[in-house]
C-alpha atoms as a PDB file:
ATOM      1  CA  MET A   1      -0.261  32.422  36.137  1.00  0.00           C
ATOM      2  CA  LYS A   2       0.813  34.447  32.857  1.00  0.00           C
ATOM      3  CA  GLU A   3      -0.305  38.819  32.813  1.00  0.00           C
ATOM      4  CA  THR A   4      -0.679  40.712  29.787  1.00  0.00           C
ATOM      5  CA  ASP A   5       0.031  44.299  30.718  1.00  0.00           C
ATOM      6  CA  TYR A   6      -3.079  46.622  29.046  1.00  0.00           C
ATOM      7  CA  GLN A   7      -4.578  50.285  30.975  1.00  0.00           C
ATOM      8  CA  THR A   8      -7.741  49.728  30.241  1.00  0.00           C
ATOM      9  CA  ILE A   9      -8.161  45.595  30.760  1.00  0.00           C
ATOM     10  CA  LYS A  10      -6.443  42.760  32.525  1.00  0.00           C
ATOM     11  CA  VAL A  11      -6.015  40.113  30.927  1.00  0.00           C
ATOM     12  CA  ILE A  12      -4.261  36.790  33.210  1.00  0.00           C
ATOM     13  CA  GLN A  13      -4.349  33.308  31.917  1.00  0.00           C
ATOM     14  CA  GLU A  14      -4.187  30.837  34.224  1.00  0.00           C
ATOM     15  CA  LYS A  15      -4.420  26.798  32.655  1.00  0.00           C
ATOM     16  CA  ALA A  16      -6.263  26.987  29.638  1.00  0.00           C
ATOM     17  CA  VAL A  17      -8.194  29.637  30.711  1.00  0.00           C
ATOM     18  CA  LEU A  18      -8.501  34.030  29.874  1.00  0.00           C
ATOM     19  CA  PHE A  19      -9.570  36.669  31.930  1.00  0.00           C
ATOM     20  CA  LEU A  20     -10.086  39.740  30.943  1.00  0.00           C
ATOM     21  CA  VAL A  21     -11.727  41.910  33.383  1.00  0.00           C
ATOM     22  CA  LEU A  22     -12.381  45.603  32.577  1.00  0.00           C
ATOM     23  CA  ASN A  23     -10.343  47.715  34.294  1.00  0.00           C
ATOM     24  CA  ARG A  24     -11.837  51.093  34.923  1.00  0.00           C
ATOM     25  CA  PRO A  25     -13.263  50.374  38.519  1.00  0.00           C
ATOM     26  CA  GLU A  26     -12.976  54.258  39.027  1.00  0.00           C
ATOM     27  CA  VAL A  27     -15.775  54.884  35.695  1.00  0.00           C
ATOM     28  CA  HIS A  28     -17.471  52.032  36.488  1.00  0.00           C
ATOM     29  CA  ASN A  29     -15.849  50.026  34.007  1.00  0.00           C
ATOM     30  CA  ALA A  30     -17.689  51.868  31.015  1.00  0.00           C
ATOM     31  CA  PHE A  31     -15.079  52.470  27.558  1.00  0.00           C
ATOM     32  CA  ASN A  32     -14.155  54.880  25.496  1.00  0.00           C
ATOM     33  CA  ILE A  33     -12.147  53.759  22.292  1.00  0.00           C
ATOM     34  CA  GLN A  34      -9.069  52.415  23.898  1.00  0.00           C
ATOM     35  CA  MET A  35     -10.861  50.190  26.022  1.00  0.00           C
ATOM     36  CA  ILE A  36     -12.293  48.544  22.326  1.00  0.00           C
ATOM     37  CA  ASN A  37      -9.235  49.015  20.907  1.00  0.00           C
ATOM     38  CA  GLU A  38      -7.479  46.825  23.587  1.00  0.00           C
ATOM     39  CA  MET A  39     -10.192  44.242  24.142  1.00  0.00           C
ATOM     40  CA  HIS A  40      -9.917  43.845  20.137  1.00  0.00           C
ATOM     41  CA  ARG A  41      -6.557  42.591  21.052  1.00  0.00           C
ATOM     42  CA  ALA A  42      -6.779  40.425  23.619  1.00  0.00           C
ATOM     43  CA  PHE A  43      -9.632  38.911  22.115  1.00  0.00           C
ATOM     44  CA  GLN A  44      -7.180  38.166  19.274  1.00  0.00           C
ATOM     45  CA  GLN A  45      -4.665  36.856  21.612  1.00  0.00           C
ATOM     46  CA  ALA A  46      -7.082  34.137  23.241  1.00  0.00           C
ATOM     47  CA  VAL A  47      -7.608  33.264  19.424  1.00  0.00           C
ATOM     48  CA  ALA A  48      -3.661  32.960  18.603  1.00  0.00           C
ATOM     49  CA  ASP A  49      -3.158  30.997  21.302  1.00  0.00           C
ATOM     50  CA  GLU A  50      -3.314  27.472  21.200  1.00  0.00           C
ATOM     51  CA  SER A  51      -3.573  27.300  25.278  1.00  0.00           C
ATOM     52  CA  VAL A  52      -6.171  28.943  26.295  1.00  0.00           C
ATOM     53  CA  ARG A  53      -9.727  27.838  25.660  1.00  0.00           C
ATOM     54  CA  VAL A  54     -11.741  29.983  27.325  1.00  0.00           C
ATOM     55  CA  VAL A  55     -12.788  33.515  28.075  1.00  0.00           C
ATOM     56  CA  ILE A  56     -14.346  34.506  30.870  1.00  0.00           C
ATOM     57  CA  LEU A  57     -15.122  38.155  30.490  1.00  0.00           C
ATOM     58  CA  THR A  58     -15.690  40.285  33.924  1.00  0.00           C
ATOM     59  CA  GLY A  59     -15.693  44.159  35.578  1.00  0.00           C
ATOM     60  CA  GLU A  60     -13.189  44.793  38.205  1.00  0.00           C
ATOM     61  CA  GLY A  61     -14.849  46.676  41.419  1.00  0.00           C
ATOM     62  CA  LYS A  62     -18.232  46.858  41.960  1.00  0.00           C
ATOM     63  CA  SER A  63     -19.416  47.107  38.497  1.00  0.00           C
ATOM     64  CA  PHE A  64     -19.620  45.420  35.384  1.00  0.00           C
ATOM     65  CA  CYS A  65     -19.514  47.707  32.327  1.00  0.00           C
ATOM     66  CA  ALA A  66     -21.711  51.218  33.049  1.00  0.00           C
ATOM     67  CA  GLY A  67     -22.020  51.699  28.901  1.00  0.00           C
ATOM     68  CA  ALA A  68     -19.377  54.218  27.317  1.00  0.00           C
ATOM     69  CA  ASP A  69     -17.644  56.665  29.502  1.00  0.00           C
ATOM     70  CA  LEU A  70     -19.070  60.261  30.063  1.00  0.00           C
ATOM     71  CA  ASN A  71     -15.909  61.891  28.614  1.00  0.00           C
ATOM     72  CA  TRP A  72     -15.921  59.845  25.586  1.00  0.00           C
ATOM     73  CA  MET A  73     -19.245  60.954  25.020  1.00  0.00           C
ATOM     74  CA  ARG A  74     -18.060  64.697  24.960  1.00  0.00           C
ATOM     75  CA  GLU A  75     -15.564  63.775  22.410  1.00  0.00           C
ATOM     76  CA  ILE A  76     -17.940  62.011  20.413  1.00  0.00           C
ATOM     77  CA  ILE A  77     -20.704  64.766  20.220  1.00  0.00           C
ATOM     78  CA  ASN A  78     -17.962  67.442  18.256  1.00  0.00           C
ATOM     79  CA  PHE A  79     -17.306  64.109  15.602  1.00  0.00           C
ATOM     80  CA  SER A  80     -18.016  64.605  12.447  1.00  0.00           C
ATOM     81  CA  PHE A  81     -20.700  61.811  10.229  1.00  0.00           C
ATOM     82  CA  ASP A  82     -17.494  59.904   9.316  1.00  0.00           C
ATOM     83  CA  GLN A  83     -15.620  60.241  12.847  1.00  0.00           C
ATOM     84  CA  ASN A  84     -18.716  59.134  14.324  1.00  0.00           C
ATOM     85  CA  LEU A  85     -18.961  55.874  12.010  1.00  0.00           C
ATOM     86  CA  ASP A  86     -15.773  55.070  12.061  1.00  0.00           C
ATOM     87  CA  GLU A  87     -15.637  54.516  16.505  1.00  0.00           C
ATOM     88  CA  SER A  88     -18.867  53.082  15.494  1.00  0.00           C
ATOM     89  CA  ARG A  89     -17.520  50.572  13.863  1.00  0.00           C
ATOM     90  CA  ARG A  90     -14.969  49.233  16.351  1.00  0.00           C
ATOM     91  CA  VAL A  91     -17.585  48.735  18.546  1.00  0.00           C
ATOM     92  CA  ALA A  92     -19.385  46.740  16.147  1.00  0.00           C
ATOM     93  CA  ALA A  93     -15.939  44.554  15.373  1.00  0.00           C
ATOM     94  CA  LEU A  94     -15.946  44.586  18.784  1.00  0.00           C
ATOM     95  CA  LEU A  95     -19.390  42.610  19.880  1.00  0.00           C
ATOM     96  CA  HIS A  96     -19.357  41.127  16.659  1.00  0.00           C
ATOM     97  CA  GLN A  97     -15.368  39.430  16.926  1.00  0.00           C
ATOM     98  CA  ILE A  98     -16.478  37.974  20.781  1.00  0.00           C
ATOM     99  CA  TYR A  99     -19.701  36.614  19.387  1.00  0.00           C
ATOM    100  CA  ALA A 100     -18.243  34.751  16.824  1.00  0.00           C
ATOM    101  CA  LEU A 101     -15.481  34.370  18.494  1.00  0.00           C
ATOM    102  CA  PRO A 102     -14.722  30.381  18.392  1.00  0.00           C
ATOM    103  CA  LYS A 103     -14.234  29.423  22.182  1.00  0.00           C
ATOM    104  CA  PRO A 104     -16.444  29.229  24.325  1.00  0.00           C
ATOM    105  CA  VAL A 105     -16.597  33.213  26.250  1.00  0.00           C
ATOM    106  CA  LEU A 106     -18.183  32.817  29.627  1.00  0.00           C
ATOM    107  CA  ALA A 107     -19.838  36.731  30.878  1.00  0.00           C
ATOM    108  CA  LEU A 108     -19.479  37.099  34.798  1.00  0.00           C
ATOM    109  CA  VAL A 109     -22.080  40.210  35.419  1.00  0.00           C
ATOM    110  CA  ASN A 110     -20.521  41.092  39.204  1.00  0.00           C
ATOM    111  CA  GLY A 111     -22.457  44.182  38.763  1.00  0.00           C
ATOM    112  CA  ALA A 112     -24.529  47.618  36.887  1.00  0.00           C
ATOM    113  CA  ALA A 113     -23.979  46.335  32.669  1.00  0.00           C
ATOM    114  CA  ILE A 114     -25.883  49.229  31.340  1.00  0.00           C
ATOM    115  CA  GLY A 115     -26.065  50.381  27.364  1.00  0.00           C
ATOM    116  CA  GLY A 116     -22.449  48.962  25.558  1.00  0.00           C
ATOM    117  CA  GLY A 117     -22.317  46.424  28.899  1.00  0.00           C
ATOM    118  CA  VAL A 118     -25.711  44.563  28.216  1.00  0.00           C
ATOM    119  CA  GLY A 119     -23.994  43.837  24.279  1.00  0.00           C
ATOM    120  CA  PHE A 120     -20.969  43.002  25.819  1.00  0.00           C
ATOM    121  CA  ALA A 121     -22.535  39.915  27.990  1.00  0.00           C
ATOM    122  CA  CYS A 122     -25.365  39.559  24.598  1.00  0.00           C
ATOM    123  CA  ALA A 123     -22.781  39.006  22.981  1.00  0.00           C
ATOM    124  CA  CYS A 124     -20.742  35.619  24.663  1.00  0.00           C
ATOM    125  CA  ASP A 125     -22.034  32.354  24.715  1.00  0.00           C
ATOM    126  CA  VAL A 126     -22.828  31.555  28.764  1.00  0.00           C
ATOM    127  CA  VAL A 127     -23.828  35.288  31.422  1.00  0.00           C
ATOM    128  CA  VAL A 128     -23.742  34.370  35.092  1.00  0.00           C
ATOM    129  CA  ALA A 129     -25.216  37.034  37.501  1.00  0.00           C
ATOM    130  CA  SER A 130     -24.167  38.546  40.050  1.00  0.00           C
ATOM    131  CA  GLU A 131     -27.809  38.678  42.101  1.00  0.00           C
ATOM    132  CA  LYS A 132     -27.176  42.600  42.707  1.00  0.00           C
ATOM    133  CA  ALA A 133     -26.299  42.556  38.783  1.00  0.00           C
ATOM    134  CA  ARG A 134     -28.318  45.518  36.807  1.00  0.00           C
ATOM    135  CA  PHE A 135     -28.989  46.018  33.390  1.00  0.00           C
ATOM    136  CA  GLY A 136     -29.861  48.910  31.751  1.00  0.00           C
ATOM    137  CA  LEU A 137     -31.224  50.222  27.892  1.00  0.00           C
ATOM    138  CA  SER A 138     -31.400  53.659  28.575  1.00  0.00           C
ATOM    139  CA  GLU A 139     -29.990  54.860  25.005  1.00  0.00           C
ATOM    140  CA  VAL A 140     -33.319  56.132  24.368  1.00  0.00           C
ATOM    141  CA  LYS A 141     -33.241  58.311  27.189  1.00  0.00           C
ATOM    142  CA  ILE A 142     -30.248  60.465  25.982  1.00  0.00           C
ATOM    143  CA  GLY A 143     -32.199  60.667  21.851  1.00  0.00           C
ATOM    144  CA  LEU A 144     -29.709  57.720  21.222  1.00  0.00           C
ATOM    145  CA  VAL A 145     -30.428  54.053  20.438  1.00  0.00           C
ATOM    146  CA  PRO A 146     -29.053  50.804  21.042  1.00  0.00           C
ATOM    147  CA  ALA A 147     -27.798  49.609  17.516  1.00  0.00           C
ATOM    148  CA  ALA A 148     -24.676  48.307  17.650  1.00  0.00           C
ATOM    149  CA  ILE A 149     -25.237  45.806  20.557  1.00  0.00           C
ATOM    150  CA  SER A 150     -29.118  45.071  19.071  1.00  0.00           C
ATOM    151  CA  PRO A 151     -28.001  41.656  16.975  1.00  0.00           C
ATOM    152  CA  TYR A 152     -26.703  40.266  19.925  1.00  0.00           C
ATOM    153  CA  VAL A 153     -29.993  42.052  22.530  1.00  0.00           C
ATOM    154  CA  ILE A 154     -32.520  40.968  20.263  1.00  0.00           C
ATOM    155  CA  ARG A 155     -30.740  37.736  19.522  1.00  0.00           C
ATOM    156  CA  ARG A 156     -30.777  36.412  23.520  1.00  0.00           C
ATOM    157  CA  ILE A 157     -34.041  38.163  24.680  1.00  0.00           C
ATOM    158  CA  GLY A 158     -36.381  37.784  21.762  1.00  0.00           C
ATOM    159  CA  GLU A 159     -38.298  41.176  19.894  1.00  0.00           C
ATOM    160  CA  ALA A 160     -41.276  41.229  22.670  1.00  0.00           C
ATOM    161  CA  GLN A 161     -38.749  41.568  25.341  1.00  0.00           C
ATOM    162  CA  ALA A 162     -36.365  44.010  23.055  1.00  0.00           C
ATOM    163  CA  ARG A 163     -38.496  46.077  21.794  1.00  0.00           C
ATOM    164  CA  ARG A 164     -39.972  46.591  26.280  1.00  0.00           C
ATOM    165  CA  TYR A 165     -36.866  47.929  27.023  1.00  0.00           C
ATOM    166  CA  PHE A 166     -35.119  48.777  24.028  1.00  0.00           C
ATOM    167  CA  LEU A 167     -38.037  51.267  24.174  1.00  0.00           C
ATOM    168  CA  THR A 168     -38.866  52.127  27.601  1.00  0.00           C
ATOM    169  CA  GLY A 169     -35.117  52.273  28.421  1.00  0.00           C
ATOM    170  CA  GLU A 170     -36.153  50.234  31.658  1.00  0.00           C
ATOM    171  CA  ARG A 171     -33.916  48.950  34.171  1.00  0.00           C
ATOM    172  CA  ILE A 172     -33.939  44.999  34.896  1.00  0.00           C
ATOM    173  CA  SER A 173     -33.075  43.103  37.885  1.00  0.00           C
ATOM    174  CA  ALA A 174     -31.674  40.122  37.830  1.00  0.00           C
ATOM    175  CA  GLU A 175     -34.097  38.218  38.795  1.00  0.00           C
ATOM    176  CA  ARG A 176     -35.696  39.438  35.854  1.00  0.00           C
ATOM    177  CA  ALA A 177     -32.818  39.302  33.472  1.00  0.00           C
ATOM    178  CA  LEU A 178     -33.277  35.273  34.701  1.00  0.00           C
ATOM    179  CA  GLU A 179     -36.664  35.390  33.199  1.00  0.00           C
ATOM    180  CA  ILE A 180     -36.365  36.683  29.829  1.00  0.00           C
ATOM    181  CA  GLY A 181     -33.631  34.921  29.042  1.00  0.00           C
ATOM    182  CA  LEU A 182     -30.221  37.783  29.102  1.00  0.00           C
ATOM    183  CA  VAL A 183     -28.809  35.849  31.034  1.00  0.00           C
ATOM    184  CA  ASN A 184     -27.900  31.923  32.063  1.00  0.00           C
ATOM    185  CA  GLU A 185     -26.966  32.049  35.439  1.00  0.00           C
ATOM    186  CA  VAL A 186     -28.103  34.157  38.709  1.00  0.00           C
ATOM    187  CA  VAL A 187     -26.076  33.675  42.241  1.00  0.00           C
ATOM    188  CA  PRO A 188     -25.003  34.877  45.196  1.00  0.00           C
ATOM    189  CA  ALA A 189     -22.906  37.206  45.250  1.00  0.00           C
ATOM    190  CA  GLU A 190     -20.115  35.728  47.155  1.00  0.00           C
ATOM    191  CA  GLU A 191     -20.553  32.654  45.133  1.00  0.00           C
ATOM    192  CA  LEU A 192     -20.400  34.348  41.248  1.00  0.00           C
ATOM    193  CA  ARG A 193     -16.541  33.812  40.804  1.00  0.00           C
ATOM    194  CA  LYS A 194     -16.797  30.383  42.159  1.00  0.00           C
ATOM    195  CA  ARG A 195     -19.219  29.748  39.841  1.00  0.00           C
ATOM    196  CA  GLY A 196     -17.299  30.350  37.130  1.00  0.00           C
ATOM    197  CA  ARG A 197     -14.256  28.638  38.317  1.00  0.00           C
ATOM    198  CA  GLU A 198     -17.522  25.227  37.769  1.00  0.00           C
ATOM    199  CA  MET A 199     -18.430  26.470  34.159  1.00  0.00           C
ATOM    200  CA  ALA A 200     -14.962  27.125  33.445  1.00  0.00           C
ATOM    201  CA  ASN A 201     -14.785  23.289  33.728  1.00  0.00           C
ATOM    202  CA  LEU A 202     -17.361  22.137  32.685  1.00  0.00           C
ATOM    203  CA  LEU A 203     -16.246  23.965  29.519  1.00  0.00           C
ATOM    204  CA  LEU A 204     -12.683  22.334  30.416  1.00  0.00           C
ATOM    205  CA  SER A 205     -14.383  19.013  29.590  1.00  0.00           C
ATOM    206  CA  SER A 206     -15.673  19.626  26.026  1.00  0.00           C
ATOM    207  CA  GLY A 207     -13.570  19.671  23.211  1.00  0.00           C
ATOM    208  CA  PRO A 208     -12.184  21.882  21.821  1.00  0.00           C
ATOM    209  CA  ARG A 209     -12.857  21.621  18.746  1.00  0.00           C
ATOM    210  CA  ALA A 210     -16.076  20.629  19.321  1.00  0.00           C
ATOM    211  CA  MET A 211     -16.895  23.492  21.377  1.00  0.00           C
ATOM    212  CA  ALA A 212     -15.736  25.852  17.855  1.00  0.00           C
ATOM    213  CA  SER A 213     -17.451  23.382  16.294  1.00  0.00           C
ATOM    214  CA  CYS A 214     -20.874  23.688  17.859  1.00  0.00           C
ATOM    215  CA  LYS A 215     -19.933  27.441  17.508  1.00  0.00           C
ATOM    216  CA  GLU A 216     -19.993  27.690  13.550  1.00  0.00           C
ATOM    217  CA  LEU A 217     -24.111  25.635  14.328  1.00  0.00           C
ATOM    218  CA  LEU A 218     -25.144  28.055  16.530  1.00  0.00           C
ATOM    219  CA  PHE A 219     -23.550  31.020  13.748  1.00  0.00           C
ATOM    220  CA  LYS A 220     -24.601  29.818  10.986  1.00  0.00           C
ATOM    221  CA  VAL A 221     -26.870  27.303  10.153  1.00  0.00           C
ATOM    222  CA  PRO A 222     -30.258  29.702  11.687  1.00  0.00           C
ATOM    223  CA  GLY A 223     -29.648  31.880   7.734  1.00  0.00           C
ATOM    224  CA  MET A 224     -29.197  28.729   6.451  1.00  0.00           C
ATOM    225  CA  SER A 225     -32.579  26.130   4.394  1.00  0.00           C
ATOM    226  CA  LEU A 226     -33.226  23.054   5.419  1.00  0.00           C
ATOM    227  CA  GLU A 227     -31.958  21.942   2.108  1.00  0.00           C
ATOM    228  CA  GLU A 228     -28.242  24.329   3.352  1.00  0.00           C
ATOM    229  CA  ALA A 229     -28.054  22.677   6.229  1.00  0.00           C
ATOM    230  CA  LYS A 230     -28.583  19.219   5.839  1.00  0.00           C
ATOM    231  CA  GLU A 231     -25.128  18.857   3.899  1.00  0.00           C
ATOM    232  CA  PHE A 232     -23.475  21.285   5.845  1.00  0.00           C
ATOM    233  CA  THR A 233     -24.451  19.379   9.221  1.00  0.00           C
ATOM    234  CA  ALA A 234     -23.660  16.000   7.810  1.00  0.00           C
ATOM    235  CA  ARG A 235     -20.612  17.781   6.633  1.00  0.00           C
ATOM    236  CA  MET A 236     -19.067  18.745   9.705  1.00  0.00           C
ATOM    237  CA  ILE A 237     -19.900  15.246  11.523  1.00  0.00           C
ATOM    238  CA  ALA A 238     -18.262  13.160   9.700  1.00  0.00           C
ATOM    239  CA  GLU A 239     -14.635  15.820   9.186  1.00  0.00           C
ATOM    240  CA  LEU A 240     -15.579  15.505  13.014  1.00  0.00           C
ATOM    241  CA  ARG A 241     -15.484  12.356  13.535  1.00  0.00           C
ATOM    242  CA  VAL A 242     -12.433  10.926  11.307  1.00  0.00           C
ATOM    243  CA  SER A 243     -10.851  14.129  13.057  1.00  0.00           C
ATOM    244  CA  GLN A 244      -8.017  12.987  16.133  1.00  0.00           C
ATOM    245  CA  GLU A 245     -10.225  14.796  18.696  1.00  0.00           C
ATOM    246  CA  GLY A 246     -13.135  13.246  18.176  1.00  0.00           C
ATOM    247  CA  GLN A 247     -11.264   9.925  17.563  1.00  0.00           C
ATOM    248  CA  GLU A 248      -9.707  11.121  20.881  1.00  0.00           C
ATOM    249  CA  GLY A 249     -13.199  11.088  22.843  1.00  0.00           C
ATOM    250  CA  MET A 250     -15.311   8.000  21.239  1.00  0.00           C
ATOM    251  CA  ALA A 251     -12.376   6.124  22.057  1.00  0.00           C
ATOM    252  CA  ALA A 252     -12.947   7.613  26.072  1.00  0.00           C
ATOM    253  CA  PHE A 253     -16.232   6.923  26.429  1.00  0.00           C
ATOM    254  CA  LEU A 254     -15.866   3.537  24.872  1.00  0.00           C
ATOM    255  CA  GLU A 255     -13.413   3.242  27.578  1.00  0.00           C
ATOM    256  CA  LYS A 256     -14.710   4.410  30.064  1.00  0.00           C
ATOM    257  CA  ARG A 257     -11.893   7.139  31.138  1.00  0.00           C
ATOM    258  CA  PRO A 258     -12.009  10.757  30.509  1.00  0.00           C
ATOM    259  CA  PRO A 259     -10.418  12.154  27.046  1.00  0.00           C
ATOM    260  CA  ARG A 260      -6.577  13.581  27.118  1.00  0.00           C
ATOM    261  CA  TRP A 261      -8.008  17.455  26.555  1.00  0.00           C
ATOM    262  CA  ALA A 262     -10.383  17.196  29.918  1.00  0.00           C
ATOM    263  CA  ILE A 263      -8.316  19.562  32.849  1.00  0.00           C
ATOM    264  CA  LYS A 264     -10.206  20.918  35.768  1.00  0.00           C
ATOM    265  CA  MET A 265      -8.977  24.499  37.181  1.00  0.00           C
ATOM    266  CA  ASP A 266      -7.489  24.606  40.140  1.00  0.00           C
ATOM    267  CA  SER A 267      -9.986  25.730  42.755  1.00  0.00           C
ATOM    268  CA  ASP A 268      -7.933  28.784  44.329  1.00  0.00           C
ATOM    269  CA  GLU A 269      -7.857  30.316  40.870  1.00  0.00           C
ATOM    270  CA  VAL A 270     -11.173  31.953  40.670  1.00  0.00           C
ATOM    271  CA  SER A 271     -11.551  34.398  43.545  1.00  0.00           C
END
């Protein structure tokens, strides 16, 4: 197990899985600019380190992330437009970084996810929530909007549901979040980390380059014309077939054995 020191998050590597834990439980893991910057560095670390193949994002304590920190909000209320724009761009850049990361990111939503906390979850590839989780897009209640997170929330739940929850700011239960596609699964609170381990093992059985290419498909193809997608997708699969990973995967399938990249976390590594 390898740990990296941060002040507002915990970053722990166990085998090929990097755990990024929001670590301000005394304020329900609300984020400030320091946390944003530290998360950015941690995701950079995940990309640069070839031994990392999966990232798990979760929260310490009873909450996932309660949105923006109140003390930070007290500061930014006195910021100029340019200062506010700089801070907002950093948040937007982090969300884009998570969404476009070339490695799978799994969110384990252990409790309340409000505002930007919903955005963090929506930027991830797979979201598993505790049955105790609650979600809220309550920015309108204080005269603001879910601006930076909106591209990722709308992609997850669609425009119809986004219109309702952006405008009403009403709370969303874990069950309702599952119904509208905000989360992929809901599990009992005591089984959340176990399910995280199981999901991580599923991801670790997939080819790292293949998963990165899947994410590239999801990121790029929706914005392409059919003509553009035809050539792009043909080239992608041709390149993967002749790659070392593709050759190993096809050989393993034909020889009825696991591919060399397939590993598993130990049963006690997610507690």
